[in-house]
Amino acid sequence: MNRYFASAVLSLALLAPFPATHAEDIDIYTSNAGSVNNPNILIVLDNSANWSANNQNWPTDSNPPVDCGNDCNKQGYYELKAMRELILGLEENYGDASGNVPINVGLMMFNNSTASRDGGYVRSAVVPMTPVNRAALVAKLDEIILNFNTETAASSVQYGAALFDAFKY
């Protein structure tokens, strides 16, 4: 009888629910109350051939931040300009007294059409948004605007390869 009783108790113990556990793939939506780490933001810029499109009837920018030649009315130019304005506005909207913004930002682009492999490359590392780093990122964006036509990736760019490179980074 003891053997049957032990079997029944063991069976009931195995059927009892285990305490719930929750696995998180990402911590972007969870609370990190004790953490002092800034969130990392990696902007993956789609500089494929579509960014040279001007069929959306973008107006030619009459006051570009840097010389953009005939490219002041293209989709990619306005994407770059929007990113530039966003980075410049971080301090005003989110900065502390010394101008530091509590996020880390970086920029990745698709390999251009002359590259030997598909994928992407880090154009600007993910760094804290201090006044110096923000100015450096804006300077990178200005450099891309100046060299707009040589920054274009192939129209057959492999998005998966670039996103895998972003994942590895």
Protein backbone atom coordinates (compact mmCIF):
# COMPACT_ATOMS: atom_id res chain seq x y z
CA MET A 1 0.00 0.00 0.00
CA ASN A 2 2.88 2.39 0.70
CA ARG A 3 4.20 1.92 -2.80
CA TYR A 4 0.85 2.92 -4.31
CA PHE A 5 0.60 5.89 -1.98
CA ALA A 6 4.11 7.06 -2.93
CA SER A 7 3.23 6.70 -6.64
CA ALA A 8 0.08 8.74 -6.19
CA VAL A 9 1.91 11.50 -4.31
CA LEU A 10 4.65 11.60 -6.95
CA SER A 11 2.07 11.75 -9.74
CA LEU A 12 0.24 14.61 -8.06
CA ALA A 13 3.52 16.46 -7.49
CA LEU A 14 4.37 16.17 -11.18
CA LEU A 15 0.96 17.48 -12.18
CA ALA A 16 1.21 20.48 -9.88
CA PRO A 17 1.89 23.70 -11.76
CA PHE A 18 5.41 25.05 -11.65
CA PRO A 19 5.98 28.67 -10.68
CA ALA A 20 5.62 30.95 -13.69
CA THR A 21 8.81 32.21 -15.28
CA HIS A 22 9.03 34.89 -17.90
CA ALA A 23 11.80 35.09 -20.46
CA GLU A 24 12.48 38.43 -22.13
CA ASP A 25 14.01 38.58 -25.59
CA ILE A 26 14.49 42.30 -25.34
CA ASP A 27 14.49 44.69 -22.44
CA ILE A 28 13.15 47.68 -24.30
CA TYR A 29 9.66 47.19 -22.84
CA THR A 30 10.66 46.06 -19.37
CA SER A 31 11.50 48.20 -16.41
CA ASN A 32 15.18 48.48 -15.49
CA ALA A 33 14.74 50.53 -12.37
CA GLY A 34 18.24 49.81 -11.07
CA SER A 35 20.01 50.16 -14.41
CA VAL A 36 22.08 53.19 -15.32
CA ASN A 37 22.73 52.10 -18.91
CA ASN A 38 21.43 54.34 -21.66
CA PRO A 39 19.33 52.72 -24.38
CA ASN A 40 21.21 52.03 -27.62
CA ILE A 41 19.67 53.21 -30.89
CA LEU A 42 21.19 52.05 -34.16
CA ILE A 43 19.72 53.83 -37.17
CA VAL A 44 19.94 51.57 -40.23
CA LEU A 45 19.74 54.01 -43.12
CA ASP A 46 18.22 52.59 -46.31
CA ASN A 47 20.55 54.10 -48.88
CA SER A 48 19.46 51.72 -51.62
CA ALA A 49 18.74 53.08 -55.08
CA ASN A 50 15.27 54.21 -53.95
CA TRP A 51 16.75 57.00 -51.90
CA SER A 52 17.67 58.77 -55.15
CA ALA A 53 14.00 58.95 -56.12
CA ASN A 54 12.47 62.36 -56.61
CA ASN A 55 9.08 61.22 -57.89
CA GLN A 56 7.38 62.22 -54.62
CA ASN A 57 7.65 65.83 -55.77
CA TRP A 58 9.87 66.89 -52.90
CA PRO A 59 10.52 70.61 -53.18
CA THR A 60 14.11 71.66 -53.76
CA ASP A 61 15.50 72.75 -50.41
CA SER A 62 16.19 76.47 -50.67
CA ASN A 63 18.28 76.50 -47.50
CA PRO A 64 20.24 73.22 -47.28
CA PRO A 65 22.56 72.70 -44.28
CA VAL A 66 25.41 71.84 -46.68
CA ASP A 67 25.81 71.98 -50.46
CA CYS A 68 23.73 69.20 -51.93
CA GLY A 69 23.93 70.19 -55.59
CA ASN A 70 21.11 68.64 -57.62
CA ASP A 71 20.22 66.24 -54.82
CA CYS A 72 18.27 68.70 -52.64
CA ASN A 73 14.96 67.29 -53.83
CA LYS A 74 15.51 63.57 -53.38
CA GLN A 75 14.01 61.21 -50.86
CA GLY A 76 17.33 60.27 -49.23
CA TYR A 77 18.31 63.91 -48.81
CA TYR A 78 15.14 64.64 -46.85
CA GLU A 79 15.65 61.49 -44.74
CA LEU A 80 19.17 62.68 -43.90
CA LYS A 81 17.95 66.18 -43.18
CA ALA A 82 15.25 64.84 -40.85
CA MET A 83 17.83 62.74 -38.97
CA ARG A 84 20.10 65.78 -38.76
CA GLU A 85 17.31 67.90 -37.27
CA LEU A 86 16.40 65.14 -34.83
CA ILE A 87 20.00 64.80 -33.58
CA LEU A 88 20.33 68.59 -33.27
CA GLY A 89 17.07 68.79 -31.31
CA LEU A 90 17.98 66.11 -28.76
CA GLU A 91 19.72 68.50 -26.38
CA GLU A 92 16.91 71.04 -26.40
CA ASN A 93 14.26 68.43 -25.71
CA TYR A 94 16.07 65.85 -23.57
CA GLY A 95 19.46 67.20 -22.52
CA ASP A 96 20.63 67.79 -18.99
CA ALA A 97 22.43 70.90 -17.75
CA SER A 98 25.70 69.88 -19.42
CA GLY A 99 24.04 69.02 -22.74
CA ASN A 100 24.22 65.24 -22.36
CA VAL A 101 21.24 63.25 -23.61
CA PRO A 102 20.58 59.87 -21.91
CA ILE A 103 20.69 57.74 -25.07
CA ASN A 104 23.36 56.23 -27.29
CA VAL A 105 22.96 56.63 -31.06
CA GLY A 106 24.80 55.18 -34.05
CA LEU A 107 24.36 54.99 -37.81
CA MET A 108 24.63 52.02 -40.14
CA MET A 109 24.28 52.06 -43.92
CA PHE A 110 24.04 49.45 -46.65
CA ASN A 111 27.27 48.71 -48.48
CA ASN A 112 27.42 50.87 -51.59
CA SER A 113 27.13 49.47 -55.09
CA THR A 114 30.91 49.07 -55.50
CA ALA A 115 31.28 46.86 -52.39
CA SER A 116 32.36 43.25 -52.79
CA ARG A 117 29.70 41.90 -50.42
CA ASP A 118 26.11 42.55 -49.45
CA GLY A 119 25.29 43.79 -46.00
CA GLY A 120 25.89 46.93 -44.06
CA TYR A 121 28.62 48.79 -42.26
CA VAL A 122 28.73 51.01 -39.22
CA ARG A 123 29.16 54.59 -40.39
CA SER A 124 29.05 56.04 -36.90
CA ALA A 125 29.47 53.90 -33.77
CA VAL A 126 26.77 53.80 -31.12
CA VAL A 127 28.01 56.39 -28.61
CA PRO A 128 26.49 58.49 -25.83
CA MET A 129 24.87 61.67 -27.11
CA THR A 130 27.21 64.18 -25.53
CA PRO A 131 27.57 67.58 -27.25
CA VAL A 132 30.82 66.44 -28.90
CA ASN A 133 29.37 63.13 -30.15
CA ARG A 134 26.20 64.82 -31.43
CA ALA A 135 28.31 67.31 -33.40
CA ALA A 136 30.37 64.41 -34.84
CA LEU A 137 27.21 62.55 -35.90
CA VAL A 138 25.81 65.68 -37.55
CA ALA A 139 29.14 66.11 -39.36
CA LYS A 140 28.84 62.51 -40.64
CA LEU A 141 25.33 63.23 -41.90
CA ASP A 142 26.62 66.38 -43.62
CA GLU A 143 29.40 64.33 -45.24
CA ILE A 144 26.84 61.85 -46.55
CA ILE A 145 24.79 64.72 -47.98
CA LEU A 146 27.89 66.12 -49.70
CA ASN A 147 28.66 62.72 -51.25
CA PHE A 148 25.06 61.73 -51.83
CA ASN A 149 25.53 60.05 -55.22
CA THR A 150 28.51 57.92 -54.18
CA GLU A 151 26.72 56.65 -51.06
CA THR A 152 23.99 54.82 -52.99
CA ALA A 153 23.73 51.06 -52.53
CA ALA A 154 22.65 48.73 -55.33
CA SER A 155 18.95 48.41 -56.09
CA SER A 156 19.27 44.66 -55.42
CA VAL A 157 20.58 45.23 -51.90
CA GLN A 158 20.07 42.30 -49.53
CA TYR A 159 18.14 43.74 -46.59
CA GLY A 160 18.56 40.53 -44.60
CA ALA A 161 22.34 40.68 -44.88
CA ALA A 162 22.39 44.27 -43.62
CA LEU A 163 20.05 43.49 -40.75
CA PHE A 164 22.19 40.47 -39.83
CA ASP A 165 25.21 42.79 -39.74
CA ALA A 166 23.24 45.13 -37.47
CA PHE A 167 22.38 42.17 -35.24
CA LYS A 168 26.03 41.13 -35.06
CA TYR A 169 27.06 44.70 -34.20
